Structure formats: C-alpha cells, structure tokens
PDB file of N, CA and C in Angstrom:
ATOM      1  N   MET A   1      -9.669  10.742  -0.783  1.00  0.00           N
ATOM      2  CA  MET A   1      -9.666   9.275  -0.751  1.00  0.00           C
ATOM      3  C   MET A   1     -10.859   8.847   0.069  1.00  0.00           C
ATOM      4  N   PRO A   2     -11.618   7.886  -0.426  1.00  0.00           N
ATOM      5  CA  PRO A   2     -12.735   7.390   0.404  1.00  0.00           C
ATOM      6  C   PRO A   2     -12.248   6.689   1.656  1.00  0.00           C
ATOM      7  N   SER A   3     -12.956   6.844   2.736  1.00  0.00           N
ATOM      8  CA  SER A   3     -12.494   6.331   4.034  1.00  0.00           C
ATOM      9  C   SER A   3     -12.390   4.771   4.023  1.00  0.00           C
ATOM     10  N   GLU A   4     -13.219   4.087   3.216  1.00  0.00           N
ATOM     11  CA  GLU A   4     -13.098   2.628   3.164  1.00  0.00           C
ATOM     12  C   GLU A   4     -11.817   2.134   2.502  1.00  0.00           C
ATOM     13  N   GLN A   5     -11.078   3.022   1.859  1.00  0.00           N
ATOM     14  CA  GLN A   5      -9.834   2.630   1.164  1.00  0.00           C
ATOM     15  C   GLN A   5      -8.616   2.848   2.044  1.00  0.00           C
ATOM     16  N   VAL A   6      -8.765   3.603   3.137  1.00  0.00           N
ATOM     17  CA  VAL A   6      -7.654   3.922   4.033  1.00  0.00           C
ATOM     18  C   VAL A   6      -7.272   2.695   4.847  1.00  0.00           C
ATOM     19  N   ARG A   7      -6.074   2.304   4.809  1.00  0.00           N
ATOM     20  CA  ARG A   7      -5.582   1.094   5.550  1.00  0.00           C
ATOM     21  C   ARG A   7      -4.261   1.438   6.240  1.00  0.00           C
ATOM     22  N   PRO A   8      -4.056   0.911   7.502  1.00  0.00           N
ATOM     23  CA  PRO A   8      -2.797   1.106   8.143  1.00  0.00           C
ATOM     24  C   PRO A   8      -1.649   0.456   7.307  1.00  0.00           C
ATOM     25  N   GLY A   9      -0.544   1.210   7.234  1.00  0.00           N
ATOM     26  CA  GLY A   9       0.602   0.747   6.469  1.00  0.00           C
ATOM     27  C   GLY A   9       0.691   1.366   5.063  1.00  0.00           C
ATOM     28  N   MET A  10      -0.410   1.945   4.567  1.00  0.00           N
ATOM     29  CA  MET A  10      -0.367   2.514   3.230  1.00  0.00           C
ATOM     30  C   MET A  10       0.324   3.865   3.209  1.00  0.00           C
ATOM     31  N   ARG A  11       0.991   4.164   2.092  1.00  0.00           N
ATOM     32  CA  ARG A  11       1.713   5.490   1.921  1.00  0.00           C
ATOM     33  C   ARG A  11       0.693   6.456   1.378  1.00  0.00           C
ATOM     34  N   VAL A  12       0.726   7.643   1.922  1.00  0.00           N
ATOM     35  CA  VAL A  12      -0.198   8.729   1.550  1.00  0.00           C
ATOM     36  C   VAL A  12       0.524  10.065   1.422  1.00  0.00           C
ATOM     37  N   ARG A  13      -0.126  10.964   0.704  1.00  0.00           N
ATOM     38  CA  ARG A  13       0.354  12.335   0.592  1.00  0.00           C
ATOM     39  C   ARG A  13      -0.832  13.260   0.849  1.00  0.00           C
ATOM     40  N   VAL A  14      -0.557  14.418   1.485  1.00  0.00           N
ATOM     41  CA  VAL A  14      -1.595  15.437   1.679  1.00  0.00           C
ATOM     42  C   VAL A  14      -1.910  16.038   0.328  1.00  0.00           C
ATOM     43  N   ILE A  15      -3.212  16.189   0.041  1.00  0.00           N
ATOM     44  CA  ILE A  15      -3.618  16.671  -1.291  1.00  0.00           C
ATOM     45  C   ILE A  15      -3.187  18.099  -1.542  1.00  0.00           C
ATOM     46  N   LYS A  16      -3.012  18.484  -2.797  1.00  0.00           N
ATOM     47  CA  LYS A  16      -2.553  19.818  -3.133  1.00  0.00           C
ATOM     48  C   LYS A  16      -3.529  20.889  -2.819  1.00  0.00           C
ATOM     49  N   HIS A  17      -4.772  20.599  -2.566  1.00  0.00           N
ATOM     50  CA  HIS A  17      -5.792  21.607  -2.310  1.00  0.00           C
ATOM     51  C   HIS A  17      -6.124  21.728  -0.812  1.00  0.00           C
ATOM     52  N   HIS A  18      -5.253  21.200   0.059  1.00  0.00           N
ATOM     53  CA  HIS A  18      -5.510  21.271   1.483  1.00  0.00           C
ATOM     54  C   HIS A  18      -5.633  22.748   1.899  1.00  0.00           C
ATOM     55  N   MET A  19      -6.487  23.041   2.851  1.00  0.00           N
ATOM     56  CA  MET A  19      -6.750  24.453   3.182  1.00  0.00           C
ATOM     57  C   MET A  19      -5.546  25.125   3.916  1.00  0.00           C
ATOM     58  N   VAL A  20      -4.658  24.337   4.590  1.00  0.00           N
ATOM     59  CA  VAL A  20      -3.477  24.883   5.230  1.00  0.00           C
ATOM     60  C   VAL A  20      -2.323  24.761   4.224  1.00  0.00           C
ATOM     61  N   HIS A  21      -1.831  25.852   3.796  1.00  0.00           N
ATOM     62  CA  HIS A  21      -0.799  25.869   2.740  1.00  0.00           C
ATOM     63  C   HIS A  21       0.412  24.978   3.024  1.00  0.00           C
ATOM     64  N   GLU A  22       0.881  25.047   4.347  1.00  0.00           N
ATOM     65  CA  GLU A  22       2.082  24.322   4.741  1.00  0.00           C
ATOM     66  C   GLU A  22       1.886  22.786   4.672  1.00  0.00           C
ATOM     67  N   ARG A  23       0.655  22.357   4.563  1.00  0.00           N
ATOM     68  CA  ARG A  23       0.351  20.886   4.550  1.00  0.00           C
ATOM     69  C   ARG A  23       0.115  20.345   3.161  1.00  0.00           C
ATOM     70  N   ARG A  24       0.297  21.158   2.216  1.00  0.00           N
ATOM     71  CA  ARG A  24      -0.009  20.753   0.789  1.00  0.00           C
ATOM     72  C   ARG A  24       1.153  20.032   0.127  1.00  0.00           C
ATOM     73  N   ASP A  25       0.906  18.911  -0.448  1.00  0.00           N
ATOM     74  CA  ASP A  25       1.777  18.211  -1.381  1.00  0.00           C
ATOM     75  C   ASP A  25       3.122  17.772  -0.856  1.00  0.00           C
ATOM     76  N   LEU A  26       3.709  18.520   0.088  1.00  0.00           N
ATOM     77  CA  LEU A  26       5.078  18.153   0.520  1.00  0.00           C
ATOM     78  C   LEU A  26       5.053  17.131   1.644  1.00  0.00           C
ATOM     79  N   LEU A  27       3.872  16.930   2.264  1.00  0.00           N
ATOM     80  CA  LEU A  27       3.825  16.031   3.365  1.00  0.00           C
ATOM     81  C   LEU A  27       3.449  14.628   2.896  1.00  0.00           C
ATOM     82  N   VAL A  28       4.346  13.698   3.196  1.00  0.00           N
ATOM     83  CA  VAL A  28       4.181  12.327   2.799  1.00  0.00           C
ATOM     84  C   VAL A  28       4.402  11.479   3.996  1.00  0.00           C
ATOM     85  N   GLY A  29       3.650  10.422   4.191  1.00  0.00           N
ATOM     86  CA  GLY A  29       3.831   9.555   5.336  1.00  0.00           C
ATOM     87  C   GLY A  29       3.102   8.211   5.216  1.00  0.00           C
ATOM     88  N   THR A  30       2.989   7.529   6.337  1.00  0.00           N
ATOM     89  CA  THR A  30       2.401   6.223   6.389  1.00  0.00           C
ATOM     90  C   THR A  30       1.234   6.244   7.346  1.00  0.00           C
ATOM     91  N   VAL A  31       0.114   5.632   6.964  1.00  0.00           N
ATOM     92  CA  VAL A  31      -1.054   5.556   7.817  1.00  0.00           C
ATOM     93  C   VAL A  31      -0.718   4.595   8.998  1.00  0.00           C
ATOM     94  N   VAL A  32      -0.904   5.100  10.214  1.00  0.00           N
ATOM     95  CA  VAL A  32      -0.681   4.312  11.431  1.00  0.00           C
ATOM     96  C   VAL A  32      -1.963   3.723  11.934  1.00  0.00           C
ATOM     97  N   ALA A  33      -3.039   4.494  11.985  1.00  0.00           N
ATOM     98  CA  ALA A  33      -4.327   4.022  12.524  1.00  0.00           C
ATOM     99  C   ALA A  33      -5.432   4.820  11.970  1.00  0.00           C
ATOM    100  N   ARG A  34      -6.644   4.248  12.144  1.00  0.00           N
ATOM    101  CA  ARG A  34      -7.901   4.952  11.793  1.00  0.00           C
ATOM    102  C   ARG A  34      -8.755   5.013  13.002  1.00  0.00           C
ATOM    103  N   TYR A  35      -9.435   6.166  13.209  1.00  0.00           N
ATOM    104  CA  TYR A  35     -10.255   6.332  14.408  1.00  0.00           C
ATOM    105  C   TYR A  35     -11.668   6.747  13.942  1.00  0.00           C
ATOM    106  N   GLY A  36     -12.666   6.192  14.588  1.00  0.00           N
ATOM    107  CA  GLY A  36     -14.023   6.532  14.264  1.00  0.00           C
ATOM    108  C   GLY A  36     -14.672   5.560  13.306  1.00  0.00           C
ATOM    109  N   ALA A  37     -15.840   5.896  12.854  1.00  0.00           N
ATOM    110  CA  ALA A  37     -16.588   5.064  11.900  1.00  0.00           C
ATOM    111  C   ALA A  37     -16.304   5.563  10.437  1.00  0.00           C
ATOM    112  N   GLU A  38     -16.687   4.763   9.475  1.00  0.00           N
ATOM    113  CA  GLU A  38     -16.365   5.116   8.072  1.00  0.00           C
ATOM    114  C   GLU A  38     -17.007   6.391   7.658  1.00  0.00           C
ATOM    115  N   ASP A  39     -18.136   6.780   8.238  1.00  0.00           N
ATOM    116  CA  ASP A  39     -18.781   8.048   7.858  1.00  0.00           C
ATOM    117  C   ASP A  39     -18.207   9.259   8.603  1.00  0.00           C
ATOM    118  N   TYR A  40     -17.362   8.999   9.630  1.00  0.00           N
ATOM    119  CA  TYR A  40     -16.764  10.102  10.385  1.00  0.00           C
ATOM    120  C   TYR A  40     -15.473   9.602  10.967  1.00  0.00           C
ATOM    121  N   MET A  41     -14.409   9.548  10.087  1.00  0.00           N
ATOM    122  CA  MET A  41     -13.160   8.970  10.426  1.00  0.00           C
ATOM    123  C   MET A  41     -11.980   9.909  10.415  1.00  0.00           C
ATOM    124  N   ALA A  42     -11.074   9.772  11.332  1.00  0.00           N
ATOM    125  CA  ALA A  42      -9.801  10.538  11.315  1.00  0.00           C
ATOM    126  C   ALA A  42      -8.680   9.479  11.113  1.00  0.00           C
ATOM    127  N   VAL A  43      -7.657   9.918  10.437  1.00  0.00           N
ATOM    128  CA  VAL A  43      -6.531   9.043  10.108  1.00  0.00           C
ATOM    129  C   VAL A  43      -5.276   9.534  10.740  1.00  0.00           C
ATOM    130  N   ASP A  44      -4.587   8.705  11.482  1.00  0.00           N
ATOM    131  CA  ASP A  44      -3.292   9.037  12.088  1.00  0.00           C
ATOM    132  C   ASP A  44      -2.216   8.718  11.108  1.00  0.00           C
ATOM    133  N   VAL A  45      -1.434   9.760  10.679  1.00  0.00           N
ATOM    134  CA  VAL A  45      -0.402   9.586   9.701  1.00  0.00           C
ATOM    135  C   VAL A  45       0.969   9.898  10.349  1.00  0.00           C
ATOM    136  N   CYS A  46       1.916   8.979  10.234  1.00  0.00           N
ATOM    137  CA  CYS A  46       3.285   9.246  10.648  1.00  0.00           C
ATOM    138  C   CYS A  46       4.008   9.784   9.460  1.00  0.00           C
ATOM    139  N   LEU A  47       4.321  11.081   9.502  1.00  0.00           N
ATOM    140  CA  LEU A  47       4.971  11.755   8.352  1.00  0.00           C
ATOM    141  C   LEU A  47       6.421  11.331   8.271  1.00  0.00           C
ATOM    142  N   ASP A  48       6.980  11.476   7.101  1.00  0.00           N
ATOM    143  CA  ASP A  48       8.437  11.116   6.910  1.00  0.00           C
ATOM    144  C   ASP A  48       9.344  11.922   7.835  1.00  0.00           C
ATOM    145  N   SER A  49       8.858  13.089   8.320  1.00  0.00           N
ATOM    146  CA  SER A  49       9.699  13.902   9.249  1.00  0.00           C
ATOM    147  C   SER A  49       9.644  13.353  10.630  1.00  0.00           C
ATOM    148  N   GLY A  50       8.783  12.363  10.895  1.00  0.00           N
ATOM    149  CA  GLY A  50       8.713  11.735  12.233  1.00  0.00           C
ATOM    150  C   GLY A  50       7.546  12.220  13.008  1.00  0.00           C
ATOM    151  N   GLN A  51       6.846  13.288  12.589  1.00  0.00           N
ATOM    152  CA  GLN A  51       5.693  13.805  13.236  1.00  0.00           C
ATOM    153  C   GLN A  51       4.468  12.960  12.986  1.00  0.00           C
ATOM    154  N   HIS A  52       3.562  12.973  13.968  1.00  0.00           N
ATOM    155  CA  HIS A  52       2.254  12.280  13.751  1.00  0.00           C
ATOM    156  C   HIS A  52       1.188  13.386  13.666  1.00  0.00           C
ATOM    157  N   ARG A  53       0.333  13.295  12.690  1.00  0.00           N
ATOM    158  CA  ARG A  53      -0.791  14.233  12.523  1.00  0.00           C
ATOM    159  C   ARG A  53      -2.067  13.476  12.159  1.00  0.00           C
ATOM    160  N   LEU A  54      -3.194  14.081  12.548  1.00  0.00           N
ATOM    161  CA  LEU A  54      -4.521  13.520  12.192  1.00  0.00           C
ATOM    162  C   LEU A  54      -5.030  14.257  10.947  1.00  0.00           C
ATOM    163  N   TYR A  55      -5.606  13.474  10.043  1.00  0.00           N
ATOM    164  CA  TYR A  55      -6.217  14.027   8.824  1.00  0.00           C
ATOM    165  C   TYR A  55      -7.538  13.370   8.598  1.00  0.00           C
ATOM    166  N   TRP A  56      -8.394  14.070   7.794  1.00  0.00           N
ATOM    167  CA  TRP A  56      -9.574  13.422   7.281  1.00  0.00           C
ATOM    168  C   TRP A  56      -9.168  12.622   6.029  1.00  0.00           C
ATOM    169  N   PRO A  57      -9.808  11.543   5.772  1.00  0.00           N
ATOM    170  CA  PRO A  57      -9.434  10.776   4.547  1.00  0.00           C
ATOM    171  C   PRO A  57      -9.492  11.577   3.269  1.00  0.00           C
ATOM    172  N   SER A  58     -10.396  12.510   3.211  1.00  0.00           N
ATOM    173  CA  SER A  58     -10.535  13.394   1.993  1.00  0.00           C
ATOM    174  C   SER A  58      -9.333  14.326   1.817  1.00  0.00           C
ATOM    175  N   ASP A  59      -8.522  14.476   2.832  1.00  0.00           N
ATOM    176  CA  ASP A  59      -7.301  15.313   2.736  1.00  0.00           C
ATOM    177  C   ASP A  59      -6.105  14.524   2.191  1.00  0.00           C
ATOM    178  N   LEU A  60      -6.268  13.215   1.960  1.00  0.00           N
ATOM    179  CA  LEU A  60      -5.148  12.392   1.597  1.00  0.00           C
ATOM    180  C   LEU A  60      -5.298  11.723   0.241  1.00  0.00           C
ATOM    181  N   GLU A  61      -4.248  11.343  -0.402  1.00  0.00           N
ATOM    182  CA  GLU A  61      -4.264  10.531  -1.623  1.00  0.00           C
ATOM    183  C   GLU A  61      -3.183   9.455  -1.475  1.00  0.00           C
ATOM    184  N   ALA A  62      -3.523   8.305  -2.002  1.00  0.00           N
ATOM    185  CA  ALA A  62      -2.620   7.159  -1.892  1.00  0.00           C
ATOM    186  C   ALA A  62      -1.465   7.348  -2.860  1.00  0.00           C
ATOM    187  N   ILE A  63      -0.232   6.962  -2.484  1.00  0.00           N
ATOM    188  CA  ILE A  63       0.877   6.949  -3.368  1.00  0.00           C
ATOM    189  C   ILE A  63       1.514   5.585  -3.330  1.00  0.00           C
ATOM    190  N   SER A  64       2.278   5.278  -4.390  1.00  0.00           N
ATOM    191  CA  SER A  64       2.928   4.015  -4.456  1.00  0.00           C
ATOM    192  C   SER A  64       4.010   3.948  -3.390  1.00  0.00           C
ATOM    193  N   SER A  65       4.108   2.827  -2.680  1.00  0.00           N
ATOM    194  CA  SER A  65       5.106   2.653  -1.653  1.00  0.00           C
ATOM    195  C   SER A  65       6.461   2.196  -2.205  1.00  0.00           C
ATOM    196  N   SER A  66       6.487   1.691  -3.445  1.00  0.00           N
ATOM    197  CA  SER A  66       7.722   1.243  -4.049  1.00  0.00           C
ATOM    198  C   SER A  66       7.675   1.564  -5.536  1.00  0.00           C
ATOM    199  N   PRO A  67       8.017   2.794  -5.917  1.00  0.00           N
ATOM    200  CA  PRO A  67       7.987   3.133  -7.324  1.00  0.00           C
ATOM    201  C   PRO A  67       9.057   2.337  -8.101  1.00  0.00           C
ATOM    202  N   LYS A  68       8.701   1.990  -9.291  1.00  0.00           N
ATOM    203  CA  LYS A  68       9.664   1.235 -10.174  1.00  0.00           C
ATOM    204  C   LYS A  68      10.712   2.173 -10.710  1.00  0.00           C
ATOM    205  N   ALA A  69      11.927   1.731 -10.688  1.00  0.00           N
ATOM    206  CA  ALA A  69      12.974   2.549 -11.285  1.00  0.00           C
ATOM    207  C   ALA A  69      12.848   2.584 -12.820  1.00  0.00           C
ATOM    208  N   TRP A  70      13.017   3.769 -13.390  1.00  0.00           N
ATOM    209  CA  TRP A  70      12.830   3.940 -14.859  1.00  0.00           C
ATOM    210  C   TRP A  70      13.786   3.052 -15.627  1.00  0.00           C
ATOM    211  N   TRP A  71      14.992   2.822 -15.129  1.00  0.00           N
ATOM    212  CA  TRP A  71      15.951   1.987 -15.845  1.00  0.00           C
ATOM    213  C   TRP A  71      15.598   0.583 -15.914  1.00  0.00           C
ATOM    214  N   ARG A  72      14.820   0.071 -14.951  1.00  0.00           N
ATOM    215  CA  ARG A  72      14.364  -1.332 -15.007  1.00  0.00           C
ATOM    216  C   ARG A  72      13.352  -1.492 -16.121  1.00  0.00           C
ATOM    217  N   LEU A  73      12.519  -0.459 -16.400  1.00  0.00           N
ATOM    218  CA  LEU A  73      11.641  -0.533 -17.466  1.00  0.00           C
ATOM    219  C   LEU A  73      12.351  -0.561 -18.812  1.00  0.00           C
ATOM    220  N   LEU A  74      13.392   0.221 -18.899  1.00  0.00           N
ATOM    221  CA  LEU A  74      14.198   0.241 -20.144  1.00  0.00           C
ATOM    222  C   LEU A  74      14.862  -1.081 -20.445  1.00  0.00           C
ATOM    223  N   LEU A  75      15.276  -1.825 -19.409  1.00  0.00           N
ATOM    224  CA  LEU A  75      15.937  -3.104 -19.562  1.00  0.00           C
ATOM    225  C   LEU A  75      14.957  -4.258 -19.651  1.00  0.00           C
ATOM    226  N   GLY A  76      13.635  -3.920 -19.528  1.00  0.00           N
ATOM    227  CA  GLY A  76      12.627  -4.969 -19.603  1.00  0.00           C
ATOM    228  C   GLY A  76      12.444  -5.743 -18.291  1.00  0.00           C
ATOM    229  N   TRP A  77      12.868  -5.138 -17.208  1.00  0.00           N
ATOM    230  CA  TRP A  77      12.709  -5.756 -15.881  1.00  0.00           C
ATOM    231  C   TRP A  77      11.559  -5.146 -15.136  1.00  0.00           C
ATOM    232  N   GLY A  78      10.493  -4.816 -15.869  1.00  0.00           N
ATOM    233  CA  GLY A  78       9.333  -4.145 -15.274  1.00  0.00           C
ATOM    234  C   GLY A  78       8.704  -4.839 -14.133  1.00  0.00           C
ATOM    235  N   SER A  79       8.774  -6.156 -14.027  1.00  0.00           N
ATOM    236  CA  SER A  79       8.135  -6.882 -12.923  1.00  0.00           C
ATOM    237  C   SER A  79       9.071  -7.064 -11.706  1.00  0.00           C
ATOM    238  N   ALA A  80      10.285  -6.564 -11.826  1.00  0.00           N
ATOM    239  CA  ALA A  80      11.269  -6.745 -10.716  1.00  0.00           C
ATOM    240  C   ALA A  80      11.327  -5.553  -9.799  1.00  0.00           C
ATOM    241  N   GLY A  81      10.184  -5.176  -9.247  1.00  0.00           N
ATOM    242  CA  GLY A  81      10.351  -4.145  -8.187  1.00  0.00           C
ATOM    243  C   GLY A  81       9.458  -3.061  -8.218  1.00  0.00           C
TER     244      GLY A  81
END
C-alpha cells in the first residue's frame, strides 16, 4: 500500500508475502498512527488480538471495515450497510 494512502482508523491486513511467516494474512487490525515522512514511514497497527506492532506501509493492504452481508444483496438492500 502506498504510504500516502495510510490513514489512522483504517482497517488493514498484513500481506500474504510478508517475510515473517507468522505475520502473513492472519493479522488484521486498525491503523493507530503514522511515524516519519511519506518516503520513510512506519505505521502503528493495533491488531485484533490487542497487540500493537509497527509495519512498513508496503507490508499492509487495506480491507473493508464493514463488509456487506450477502443476504442483503439477495434482498436488494445493497446500500444498507
């Protein structure tokens, strides 16, 4: 993810190709803060487990914070949530 797109409050996931196997794909959290300049930035992420970890923006991908329920789409309520 480009550093200029990282914003506090956004939901993110650690990318599948992260060099540390335990940090791949299963870690999801919320961006708490950004440190540094856009060309050299670290991102503080509060993981769903309650831990805080620092990541490079390139180690993260944005995810939807409120996925739509599939049944709402079937009922034609696609804009409700």
